[in-house]
Amino acid sequence: MKVYLDAVSTTAVDGEVLDTYQKILSDHYCNSDALYDDGVAIYRMQERSRELIGKMLGVKAEDIIFTSGASEANSLAIKGLAFRHLSEKPHLITSSYEHSSVNNAFRQLEEDFGLEVTYIEPTNGIITPEAVEKAIRPDTLLVSIMTVNNENGAVNDVASIAGTVKKHPHVYFHTDITQALGKCDLDLSSVDMASFSAHKIHGLKGSGVLMKRKHIEILPLISGGQQEFSLRGGTSNAPANIVLAKTLRLALENQKKHRDMLHGYYEYLCRELPLIEGVSIHFPERHLETLLSVSTPIPSEVMLNALNKKGIMVSSKSTCGSRSDEENRTMKAMGVDENYVIRVSFDHTNTFEEIEYFISCIKEIITKYGKTAV
C-alpha cells in the first residue's frame, strides 16, 4: 500500500489540469508574443488566465505576474523592491522561520548588499502584529511574513499584520501564501505583494505567481523583453500560465467541498497519535488542520526509513532543506528537538483507510524500534 502524506511538499497534478495542459501543448505551440493569428490566440488565452486568477484573488489582472514558482516570486518581490531602493539602504523585516527562498533572499541582501534586516521570532508559533509594529522603523521599506508556515502549520493573521503595516505609508507588505491557498480563507485587500506555486495545489511544477500592486516599483531579476510587464524577460511559458487559472479554481472549490472530510482526518490523528507512548503533536497558537508536526521516541531518520519501507511517505522538515545540515529554525523556535520530529500533511486525495494505516504503522514501528533506536 502506497500512502502519500507529504502534501505540503508537492502534490500530484490534477487530471483536469493535465488534460488541458496537454491539449494546449499540442494545439497552441506558438510564441504568445508573435503577432500572427495563432500567436495572438495564445496571448489572449494567457491574458484571460491572468484576469481569472486576479478575480479569484480579489485583485486586478495587471497585478498578476507569472513566474516559475513561489521561490522566484519571493525573490522578485523582496530583492526587486530592495534593489529599486538600494541607494537608500533601507531596513527590512521578516520572520525567523520563513521558507528558505525568503530567508536566503534577505540573507543575501544583508551579506552582499549591506542592508539591515530584523528577524522576528514567533510567539507560541505565530508572528504577532504587535511584534511587527515594534520592529518597524522610519527607514523600514518592507515587511515579509508568510501566511502559513510550511513546517509547523502555523497560520499567521496576515490581515491584521497587513493592517498594522498599512499604518506606516512608507512600508510595503509581502506574504508567501503558498501553503495557504486551498486551505485557508485569504484576504489580500491590504497586501502589497503575495507569492505562490501551482504544484502545491495539484498544478504544474515550474509555475507560479507574484501578485504585485501595479503602483509598486521593483527592478526585474531577469532582463529581457516586454514579457510580464517588462519584469520577467523570456518567452512566456504560456501553457503553464493558462492552466494555472483552472488549477486555482479547482483548489478553491475543493477547499469548500472537502473541508469536513479533512477536519475528520485531523480530529482522528489528534485523538489517536497522543495515545501512542512517546508521541506528541506540536500545536502553534493558530494552525492548519492538514499539517501536523509530530514527535516520536524514534529519531526522525529511522522513523522516515521505517515508514518508507511500509509505503508511507512523510518528511522531517521542509523538503527544500531536506538535504541541508542547517538547523531547523521553526522547531527550535518552538523549543522542540527536530531530531525526533516528522511532518505529516494530507489533502482531499487521501482516504480514511490511509490515515488508519499510518496510525497502525506508527504503533508497530515504535513497538519494534522504540527501545533500541534512541
Protein backbone atom coordinates (compact mmCIF):
# COMPACT_ATOMS: atom_id res chain seq x y z
CA MET A 1 0.00 0.00 0.00
CA LYS A 2 1.39 3.41 -1.02
CA VAL A 3 0.35 6.33 1.17
CA TYR A 4 1.42 9.90 0.39
CA LEU A 5 1.34 12.13 3.47
CA ASP A 6 3.64 14.92 2.29
CA ALA A 7 1.14 17.23 0.59
CA VAL A 8 2.90 20.40 1.76
CA SER A 9 5.96 19.29 -0.20
CA THR A 10 4.17 18.85 -3.52
CA THR A 11 1.03 17.33 -5.00
CA ALA A 12 0.09 15.20 -7.99
CA VAL A 13 -1.20 17.13 -11.00
CA ASP A 14 -4.99 17.16 -11.16
CA GLY A 15 -6.34 15.13 -14.09
CA GLU A 16 -8.36 18.04 -15.47
CA VAL A 17 -5.34 20.32 -15.33
CA LEU A 18 -3.12 17.75 -17.01
CA ASP A 19 -5.62 17.10 -19.82
CA THR A 20 -5.97 20.82 -20.53
CA TYR A 21 -2.20 21.33 -20.40
CA GLN A 22 -1.52 18.52 -22.85
CA LYS A 23 -4.13 19.86 -25.27
CA ILE A 24 -2.64 23.36 -25.16
CA LEU A 25 0.87 21.97 -25.68
CA SER A 26 -0.36 20.09 -28.71
CA ASP A 27 -2.64 22.69 -30.29
CA HIS A 28 -1.08 26.02 -29.24
CA TYR A 29 2.69 25.87 -29.59
CA CYS A 30 3.26 29.36 -30.95
CA ASN A 31 5.05 32.14 -29.13
CA SER A 32 2.49 34.24 -27.26
CA ASP A 33 4.33 37.41 -28.35
CA ALA A 34 4.04 36.60 -32.04
CA LEU A 35 1.77 38.95 -34.00
CA TYR A 36 0.21 36.41 -36.36
CA ASP A 37 -3.20 34.89 -35.55
CA ASP A 38 -2.02 31.78 -33.73
CA GLY A 39 0.34 33.79 -31.53
CA VAL A 40 -2.37 36.33 -30.73
CA ALA A 41 -4.76 33.50 -29.84
CA ILE A 42 -2.48 32.01 -27.19
CA TYR A 43 -1.65 35.50 -25.89
CA ARG A 44 -5.35 36.13 -25.34
CA MET A 45 -5.73 32.80 -23.55
CA GLN A 46 -2.87 33.69 -21.25
CA GLU A 47 -4.31 37.14 -20.52
CA ARG A 48 -7.70 35.57 -19.81
CA SER A 49 -5.99 33.31 -17.27
CA ARG A 50 -4.33 36.36 -15.70
CA GLU A 51 -7.73 38.04 -15.42
CA LEU A 52 -9.37 34.98 -13.84
CA ILE A 53 -6.56 34.50 -11.31
CA GLY A 54 -6.83 38.16 -10.37
CA LYS A 55 -10.58 37.84 -9.80
CA MET A 56 -10.17 34.73 -7.64
CA LEU A 57 -7.58 36.52 -5.50
CA GLY A 58 -9.57 39.74 -5.37
CA VAL A 59 -7.01 41.81 -7.27
CA LYS A 60 -6.64 43.28 -10.76
CA ALA A 61 -5.31 41.35 -13.75
CA GLU A 62 -2.43 43.82 -14.05
CA ASP A 63 -1.33 42.79 -10.54
CA ILE A 64 -0.62 39.20 -11.64
CA ILE A 65 2.93 38.33 -12.74
CA PHE A 66 3.55 34.78 -13.93
CA THR A 67 6.76 33.17 -12.59
CA SER A 68 8.37 29.75 -12.38
CA GLY A 69 7.07 29.31 -8.84
CA ALA A 70 6.97 30.84 -5.37
CA SER A 71 10.76 30.81 -4.92
CA GLU A 72 11.23 33.06 -7.93
CA ALA A 73 8.21 35.16 -6.97
CA ASN A 74 9.60 35.66 -3.46
CA SER A 75 12.98 36.75 -4.82
CA LEU A 76 11.40 39.08 -7.34
CA ALA A 77 9.27 40.73 -4.66
CA ILE A 78 11.95 41.02 -1.98
CA LYS A 79 15.10 41.66 -3.99
CA GLY A 80 13.29 43.52 -6.76
CA LEU A 81 11.93 46.04 -4.26
CA ALA A 82 15.20 46.28 -2.32
CA PHE A 83 17.25 46.82 -5.50
CA ARG A 84 14.87 49.61 -6.55
CA HIS A 85 15.65 51.40 -3.27
CA LEU A 86 19.23 50.18 -2.81
CA SER A 87 20.75 53.66 -2.71
CA GLU A 88 18.59 54.45 0.32
CA LYS A 89 19.97 51.44 2.25
CA PRO A 90 16.52 50.57 3.59
CA HIS A 91 15.70 48.50 6.67
CA LEU A 92 13.81 45.23 6.08
CA ILE A 93 11.71 42.97 8.33
CA THR A 94 10.88 39.28 8.12
CA SER A 95 10.41 36.33 10.48
CA SER A 96 12.96 33.79 11.67
CA TYR A 97 11.00 30.85 10.22
CA GLU A 98 10.30 31.83 6.63
CA HIS A 99 10.72 29.46 3.69
CA SER A 100 14.35 29.22 2.52
CA SER A 101 13.56 31.22 -0.64
CA VAL A 102 12.57 34.17 1.56
CA ASN A 103 15.15 33.68 4.28
CA ASN A 104 18.04 33.37 1.84
CA ALA A 105 16.89 36.39 -0.17
CA PHE A 106 17.13 38.51 2.97
CA ARG A 107 20.45 36.92 3.94
CA GLN A 108 21.87 37.85 0.54
CA LEU A 109 20.64 41.44 0.90
CA GLU A 110 22.39 41.58 4.27
CA GLU A 111 25.65 39.89 3.38
CA ASP A 112 26.19 41.07 -0.19
CA PHE A 113 24.45 44.45 -0.27
CA GLY A 114 24.84 45.68 3.31
CA LEU A 115 21.14 46.09 4.14
CA GLU A 116 19.90 45.69 7.71
CA VAL A 117 17.26 43.02 8.37
CA THR A 118 15.25 42.40 11.53
CA TYR A 119 14.17 38.76 12.05
CA ILE A 120 11.08 38.48 14.26
CA GLU A 121 10.84 35.41 16.48
CA PRO A 122 7.44 33.68 16.72
CA THR A 123 5.37 33.73 19.92
CA ASN A 124 3.54 30.45 20.53
CA GLY A 125 4.39 29.53 16.96
CA ILE A 126 3.00 32.65 15.28
CA ILE A 127 4.15 36.12 14.29
CA THR A 128 2.04 38.74 16.03
CA PRO A 129 1.03 42.17 14.68
CA GLU A 130 2.45 43.67 17.86
CA ALA A 131 5.90 42.22 17.13
CA VAL A 132 5.75 43.63 13.61
CA GLU A 133 4.71 47.06 14.88
CA LYS A 134 7.57 47.07 17.36
CA ALA A 135 10.11 46.24 14.63
CA ILE A 136 9.06 48.97 12.15
CA ARG A 137 11.37 51.97 11.92
CA PRO A 138 11.32 55.24 9.95
CA ASP A 139 13.71 53.68 7.40
CA THR A 140 11.79 50.39 7.05
CA LEU A 141 10.90 49.56 3.44
CA LEU A 142 9.43 46.06 3.53
CA VAL A 143 7.83 43.54 5.87
CA SER A 144 7.61 39.93 4.61
CA ILE A 145 5.72 37.40 6.75
CA MET A 146 4.44 34.06 5.45
CA THR A 147 0.74 33.28 5.79
CA VAL A 148 1.16 29.61 6.73
CA ASN A 149 4.40 28.06 7.93
CA ASN A 150 5.37 25.03 5.87
CA GLU A 151 6.86 23.06 8.78
CA ASN A 152 4.60 23.52 11.79
CA GLY A 153 1.38 24.67 10.08
CA ALA A 154 1.24 27.97 11.98
CA VAL A 155 -1.33 30.33 10.49
CA ASN A 156 -0.38 33.97 10.87
CA ASP A 157 -3.09 36.62 11.00
CA VAL A 158 -1.89 38.25 7.81
CA ALA A 159 -4.90 40.56 7.52
CA SER A 160 -4.08 42.08 10.92
CA ILE A 161 -0.36 42.21 10.19
CA ALA A 162 -1.04 43.91 6.85
CA GLY A 163 -3.32 46.38 8.64
CA THR A 164 -0.54 47.15 11.09
CA VAL A 165 1.94 47.74 8.26
CA LYS A 166 -0.55 49.99 6.44
CA LYS A 167 -0.40 52.43 9.36
CA HIS A 168 3.07 53.25 8.01
CA PRO A 169 2.66 54.58 4.42
CA HIS A 170 6.36 54.17 3.65
CA VAL A 171 6.33 50.40 4.32
CA TYR A 172 5.26 47.64 1.90
CA PHE A 173 3.92 44.24 2.97
CA HIS A 174 4.65 40.92 1.23
CA THR A 175 3.41 37.44 2.15
CA ASP A 176 4.10 33.95 0.84
CA ILE A 177 0.65 32.32 0.52
CA THR A 178 1.93 29.05 -0.98
CA GLN A 179 0.79 26.84 1.91
CA ALA A 180 -2.42 28.78 2.48
CA LEU A 181 -4.05 28.51 -0.96
CA GLY A 182 -6.84 25.96 -0.97
CA LYS A 183 -6.58 25.54 2.80
CA CYS A 184 -7.33 28.92 4.39
CA ASP A 185 -9.63 31.80 3.54
CA LEU A 186 -7.46 34.67 2.30
CA ASP A 187 -7.89 38.44 2.48
CA LEU A 188 -5.34 40.20 0.29
CA SER A 189 -7.05 43.58 0.36
CA SER A 190 -4.23 45.20 2.37
CA VAL A 191 -1.41 43.08 0.96
CA ASP A 192 1.03 44.73 -1.45
CA MET A 193 2.66 41.57 -2.78
CA ALA A 194 1.95 37.83 -2.47
CA SER A 195 3.60 34.70 -3.88
CA PHE A 196 2.50 31.14 -4.58
CA SER A 197 3.34 27.97 -6.54
CA ALA A 198 0.98 25.82 -8.60
CA HIS A 199 2.49 22.48 -7.64
CA LYS A 200 1.26 22.80 -4.05
CA ILE A 201 -2.36 22.82 -5.25
CA HIS A 202 -2.27 19.98 -7.79
CA GLY A 203 -0.85 22.11 -10.58
CA LEU A 204 2.32 22.05 -12.63
CA LYS A 205 5.81 22.31 -11.22
CA GLY A 206 7.67 25.31 -12.58
CA SER A 207 4.58 27.50 -12.45
CA GLY A 208 3.66 30.27 -10.04
CA VAL A 209 2.59 33.85 -9.48
CA LEU A 210 3.73 37.05 -7.86
CA MET A 211 0.81 39.30 -7.06
CA LYS A 212 2.19 42.84 -7.03
CA ARG A 213 0.14 46.02 -6.98
CA LYS A 214 0.80 47.96 -10.15
CA HIS A 215 1.98 51.12 -8.38
CA ILE A 216 4.83 49.32 -6.58
CA GLU A 217 8.10 49.79 -8.45
CA ILE A 218 10.56 46.90 -8.48
CA LEU A 219 13.57 46.02 -10.61
CA PRO A 220 13.50 42.84 -12.74
CA LEU A 221 15.79 39.97 -11.80
CA ILE A 222 15.64 38.55 -15.33
CA SER A 223 16.34 41.13 -18.01
CA GLY A 224 14.84 40.67 -21.44
CA GLY A 225 11.80 41.68 -23.43
CA GLN A 226 8.42 43.14 -22.54
CA GLN A 227 7.05 39.91 -21.03
CA GLU A 228 5.27 40.20 -17.68
CA PHE A 229 5.20 44.00 -17.79
CA SER A 230 8.97 44.02 -18.50
CA LEU A 231 9.61 42.44 -15.09
CA ARG A 232 10.45 38.92 -16.26
CA GLY A 233 12.12 38.61 -19.63
CA GLY A 234 12.00 35.46 -21.74
CA THR A 235 9.46 33.59 -23.83
CA SER A 236 6.33 33.07 -21.74
CA ASN A 237 5.51 29.56 -20.52
CA ALA A 238 2.03 30.19 -21.89
CA PRO A 239 0.58 26.64 -21.49
CA ALA A 240 1.53 26.54 -17.80
CA ASN A 241 0.28 30.11 -17.26
CA ILE A 242 -3.02 29.32 -18.94
CA VAL A 243 -3.82 26.20 -16.88
CA LEU A 244 -2.90 27.96 -13.63
CA ALA A 245 -6.33 29.60 -13.62
CA LYS A 246 -8.02 26.18 -13.71
CA THR A 247 -5.60 24.90 -11.05
CA LEU A 248 -6.51 27.73 -8.69
CA ARG A 249 -10.24 27.41 -9.37
CA LEU A 250 -10.23 23.69 -8.58
CA ALA A 251 -8.18 24.26 -5.42
CA LEU A 252 -10.65 26.84 -4.11
CA GLU A 253 -13.61 24.61 -4.99
CA ASN A 254 -12.02 21.62 -3.25
CA GLN A 255 -11.31 23.72 -0.17
CA LYS A 256 -15.05 24.15 0.36
CA LYS A 257 -16.07 20.71 -0.86
CA HIS A 258 -13.72 18.67 1.34
CA ARG A 259 -13.48 20.85 4.46
CA ASP A 260 -15.49 18.48 6.67
CA MET A 261 -13.69 15.36 5.47
CA LEU A 262 -10.25 16.87 6.15
CA HIS A 263 -11.39 18.06 9.57
CA GLY A 264 -12.37 14.46 10.30
CA TYR A 265 -8.88 13.23 9.39
CA TYR A 266 -7.37 15.91 11.60
CA GLU A 267 -9.53 15.03 14.60
CA TYR A 268 -8.75 11.33 14.21
CA LEU A 269 -4.99 11.94 14.09
CA CYS A 270 -5.14 14.35 17.04
CA ARG A 271 -7.04 11.73 19.05
CA GLU A 272 -5.05 8.63 18.11
CA LEU A 273 -1.44 9.85 17.88
CA PRO A 274 -1.10 11.07 21.51
CA LEU A 275 -2.42 7.69 22.70
CA ILE A 276 0.77 6.09 21.37
CA GLU A 277 3.52 6.02 24.01
CA GLY A 278 6.13 8.72 23.42
CA VAL A 279 4.21 10.52 20.65
CA SER A 280 3.17 14.17 20.85
CA ILE A 281 1.86 16.82 18.45
CA HIS A 282 3.17 20.38 18.46
CA PHE A 283 0.39 22.92 18.00
CA PRO A 284 1.11 26.59 17.25
CA GLU A 285 -1.47 29.01 18.64
CA ARG A 286 -3.21 29.19 15.26
CA HIS A 287 -2.60 26.23 12.98
CA LEU A 288 -3.54 24.48 9.78
CA GLU A 289 -5.58 21.30 10.20
CA THR A 290 -3.89 19.47 7.32
CA LEU A 291 -0.31 19.65 8.63
CA LEU A 292 0.89 18.09 11.88
CA SER A 293 4.35 18.34 13.42
CA VAL A 294 4.74 15.09 15.37
CA SER A 295 7.46 13.98 17.79
CA THR A 296 8.09 10.27 18.34
CA PRO A 297 10.57 8.45 20.62
CA ILE A 298 12.49 7.38 17.50
CA PRO A 299 14.97 9.58 15.58
CA SER A 300 13.37 11.14 12.51
CA GLU A 301 15.68 9.41 10.04
CA VAL A 302 14.91 5.99 11.50
CA MET A 303 11.18 6.70 11.51
CA LEU A 304 11.18 8.01 7.93
CA ASN A 305 13.02 4.93 6.68
CA ALA A 306 10.75 2.57 8.59
CA LEU A 307 7.62 4.29 7.26
CA ASN A 308 9.08 4.32 3.75
CA LYS A 309 9.51 0.54 3.87
CA LYS A 310 5.79 0.31 4.59
CA GLY A 311 4.96 2.55 1.63
CA ILE A 312 4.25 5.69 3.67
CA MET A 313 5.80 8.97 2.53
CA VAL A 314 6.28 11.72 5.11
CA SER A 315 9.10 14.21 5.71
CA SER A 316 11.03 15.51 8.68
CA LYS A 317 11.31 19.17 7.63
CA SER A 318 10.88 21.45 4.64
CA THR A 319 11.74 19.48 1.51
CA CYS A 320 13.66 22.48 0.17
CA GLY A 321 16.10 21.98 3.05
CA SER A 322 15.92 18.19 3.38
CA ARG A 323 19.49 17.67 2.14
CA SER A 324 20.90 20.53 4.17
CA ASP A 325 22.56 20.28 7.59
CA GLU A 326 21.22 23.71 8.51
CA GLU A 327 19.41 23.92 11.85
CA ASN A 328 15.62 23.76 11.73
CA ARG A 329 14.69 27.30 12.78
CA THR A 330 10.96 26.53 13.05
CA MET A 331 11.31 23.66 15.51
CA LYS A 332 13.96 25.48 17.52
CA ALA A 333 11.63 28.45 17.96
CA MET A 334 9.02 26.10 19.42
CA GLY A 335 11.53 24.50 21.77
CA VAL A 336 11.22 21.14 20.01
CA ASP A 337 14.06 18.68 19.29
CA GLU A 338 14.00 18.49 15.50
CA ASN A 339 15.83 15.17 15.52
CA TYR A 340 12.64 13.39 16.59
CA VAL A 341 10.06 15.26 14.52
CA ILE A 342 8.19 14.11 11.43
CA ARG A 343 5.90 16.27 9.31
CA VAL A 344 2.57 14.73 8.33
CA SER A 345 0.42 16.53 5.76
CA PHE A 346 -2.61 15.43 3.76
CA ASP A 347 -5.33 16.72 1.45
CA HIS A 348 -8.56 15.66 -0.27
CA THR A 349 -6.83 12.95 -2.30
CA ASN A 350 -6.13 10.91 0.84
CA THR A 351 -8.57 8.36 2.24
CA PHE A 352 -9.51 7.49 5.81
CA GLU A 353 -8.12 3.99 5.20
CA GLU A 354 -4.71 5.57 4.51
CA ILE A 355 -4.88 7.60 7.72
CA GLU A 356 -5.73 4.47 9.72
CA TYR A 357 -2.89 2.56 8.07
CA PHE A 358 -0.45 5.33 9.01
CA ILE A 359 -1.52 5.14 12.67
CA SER A 360 -1.15 1.36 12.74
CA CYS A 361 2.34 1.60 11.20
CA ILE A 362 3.49 4.23 13.72
CA LYS A 363 2.36 1.94 16.55
CA GLU A 364 4.15 -1.06 15.03
CA ILE A 365 7.40 0.83 14.37
CA ILE A 366 7.57 2.29 17.86
CA THR A 367 6.87 -1.12 19.39
CA LYS A 368 9.64 -2.66 17.30
CA TYR A 369 12.32 0.04 17.46
CA GLY A 370 11.36 2.27 20.36
CA LYS A 371 13.77 0.84 22.89
CA THR A 372 16.74 0.37 20.60
CA ALA A 373 16.65 3.39 18.28
CA VAL A 374 17.30 6.15 20.79
